[in-house]
Protein backbone atom coordinates (compact mmCIF):
# COMPACT_ATOMS: atom_id res chain seq x y z
CA MET A 1 34.42 8.77 -36.75
CA THR A 2 35.33 12.35 -36.45
CA VAL A 3 32.97 14.09 -33.46
CA LYS A 4 31.15 17.26 -35.00
CA LEU A 5 30.63 19.82 -32.43
CA GLY A 6 28.53 22.96 -32.39
CA PHE A 7 29.65 25.84 -30.19
CA VAL A 8 27.22 28.04 -28.35
CA VAL A 9 29.28 30.95 -27.32
CA ALA A 10 28.26 33.74 -25.03
CA GLU A 11 29.60 37.35 -25.80
CA PHE A 12 28.95 39.05 -22.28
CA ASN A 13 32.40 39.14 -20.63
CA ARG A 14 33.79 38.58 -24.32
CA ASP A 15 37.42 39.09 -23.20
CA ILE A 16 37.03 36.05 -21.14
CA THR A 17 34.81 33.96 -23.33
CA TYR A 18 37.20 34.59 -26.25
CA MET A 19 39.92 32.92 -24.55
CA MET A 20 37.79 29.95 -23.73
CA GLU A 21 36.47 29.67 -27.20
CA ILE A 22 40.23 29.64 -28.45
CA GLU A 23 41.31 27.07 -26.02
CA ALA A 24 38.22 25.07 -26.79
CA ARG A 25 38.74 25.13 -30.47
CA GLU A 26 42.62 23.99 -29.91
CA HIS A 27 41.23 21.32 -27.67
CA ALA A 28 38.79 19.93 -29.91
CA GLY A 29 41.61 19.91 -32.98
CA PHE A 30 43.52 17.83 -30.61
CA LEU A 31 41.05 15.27 -30.06
CA ASP A 32 40.04 15.19 -33.70
CA ALA A 33 36.60 16.60 -33.12
CA GLU A 34 35.29 19.11 -35.92
CA VAL A 35 33.60 22.17 -34.97
CA ALA A 36 30.97 22.46 -37.29
CA ASP A 37 29.15 25.51 -36.50
CA THR A 38 29.29 28.27 -34.01
CA ILE A 39 26.60 30.48 -32.85
CA TYR A 40 27.31 33.91 -30.90
CA VAL A 41 24.46 34.60 -28.18
CA PRO A 42 24.51 37.70 -25.99
CA GLY A 43 24.93 35.93 -22.48
CA ALA A 44 24.38 32.59 -20.66
CA TYR A 45 20.88 32.73 -20.26
CA ASP A 46 20.37 33.33 -24.13
CA MET A 47 22.01 30.11 -24.97
CA PRO A 48 19.14 27.43 -24.82
CA LEU A 49 17.36 28.55 -28.30
CA ALA A 50 20.90 28.23 -30.03
CA ILE A 51 21.41 25.21 -28.36
CA LYS A 52 18.35 23.83 -29.63
CA LYS A 53 18.87 24.79 -33.24
CA LEU A 54 22.10 23.26 -33.22
CA LEU A 55 20.78 19.76 -31.74
CA GLY A 56 18.16 19.66 -34.49
CA ARG A 57 20.73 19.70 -37.19
CA GLY A 58 21.52 15.85 -37.81
CA GLU A 59 25.39 16.50 -38.54
CA ILE A 60 25.78 17.88 -34.95
CA ASP A 61 26.81 14.98 -32.38
CA ALA A 62 27.20 17.40 -29.34
CA VAL A 63 26.80 21.03 -28.33
CA VAL A 64 29.65 22.88 -26.04
CA THR A 65 28.51 25.78 -24.21
CA ILE A 66 31.10 28.64 -23.66
CA GLY A 67 30.24 31.55 -21.08
CA CYS A 68 31.21 33.31 -18.11
CA VAL A 69 29.12 34.67 -15.41
CA ILE A 70 30.80 36.86 -12.90
CA GLU A 71 29.38 37.76 -9.52
CA GLY A 72 27.72 41.01 -9.07
CA ALA A 73 25.84 43.05 -6.47
CA THR A 74 22.85 40.85 -6.47
CA GLN A 75 22.09 37.23 -6.96
CA HIS A 76 21.48 37.81 -10.46
CA ASP A 77 24.60 35.55 -11.64
CA GLU A 78 23.06 32.55 -9.73
CA ILE A 79 19.72 32.94 -11.29
CA VAL A 80 21.10 33.07 -14.74
CA VAL A 81 23.45 29.74 -14.43
CA GLN A 82 20.95 27.82 -12.57
CA HIS A 83 18.02 28.44 -15.24
CA ALA A 84 20.54 28.20 -18.17
CA ALA A 85 22.10 24.87 -16.80
CA ARG A 86 18.49 23.42 -15.81
CA LYS A 87 17.51 24.35 -19.71
CA ILE A 88 20.66 22.88 -21.01
CA ILE A 89 20.15 19.56 -19.19
CA ASP A 90 16.34 19.42 -20.56
CA LEU A 91 17.65 19.96 -24.22
CA SER A 92 20.27 17.52 -23.88
CA LEU A 93 17.48 14.62 -22.72
CA GLU A 94 15.10 15.78 -25.36
CA PHE A 95 17.35 15.40 -28.44
CA GLY A 96 19.45 12.51 -27.12
CA LYS A 97 22.76 14.46 -27.61
CA PRO A 98 25.24 15.69 -25.20
CA VAL A 99 25.44 19.35 -24.20
CA ALA A 100 28.40 20.06 -22.34
CA LEU A 101 28.60 22.80 -19.65
CA GLY A 102 31.43 25.19 -20.34
CA ILE A 103 30.14 27.89 -18.52
CA SER A 104 32.14 29.30 -15.38
CA GLY A 105 30.57 30.75 -12.40
CA PRO A 106 28.49 31.93 -10.44
CA GLY A 107 29.91 33.76 -7.51
CA MET A 108 33.19 34.16 -8.99
CA THR A 109 35.22 37.50 -9.55
CA ARG A 110 36.67 38.61 -12.84
CA MET A 111 40.08 37.22 -11.57
CA GLU A 112 38.95 33.98 -10.78
CA ALA A 113 36.90 33.74 -13.96
CA THR A 114 40.32 34.24 -15.73
CA GLU A 115 41.77 31.49 -13.83
CA ARG A 116 38.95 28.98 -15.10
CA ILE A 117 39.28 29.58 -18.75
CA ASP A 118 40.21 25.85 -19.28
CA TYR A 119 36.55 25.04 -18.07
CA ALA A 120 35.99 25.38 -21.84
CA LYS A 121 38.56 22.77 -22.62
CA ARG A 122 36.79 20.38 -20.27
CA ALA A 123 33.37 20.80 -21.80
CA VAL A 124 34.84 19.89 -25.05
CA GLU A 125 36.58 16.74 -23.58
CA SER A 126 33.20 15.83 -22.09
CA ALA A 127 31.49 16.31 -25.12
CA VAL A 128 33.50 14.00 -27.22
CA LYS A 129 33.77 11.24 -24.48
CA MET A 130 30.01 11.26 -24.51
CA VAL A 131 29.61 10.98 -28.27
CA GLN A 132 32.11 8.32 -28.32
CA ARG A 133 30.59 6.35 -25.31
CA LEU A 134 27.25 6.67 -26.21
CA GLY A 135 27.71 5.61 -30.03
């Protein structure tokens, strides 16, 4: 069975999320998973609505989130990631489908974010394993 993935990709910090998306797509192919649809959103905070749309489509087995939240002068990065992550978990439980967290941050510099591009690859791996193990 080919696992059909939906990707939700943040455009904020696109120089980094672009590289994350490339790695995620390559890894999906390596795992024989298909990226059936991709929705681009402004930032990580905007992901839940796009995730919900993808989860509502019967052919999507799991959703992979791809984003990067870099530390700023305030605690904004922490608030964004905490609220996005909480809603992502809620949507996964509501629809009974995996939603993998491929959002790096908070509390990291741009250089640290570049070093964590593989978070997207890990998220694809997690999504595929969860679909296979949960049936």
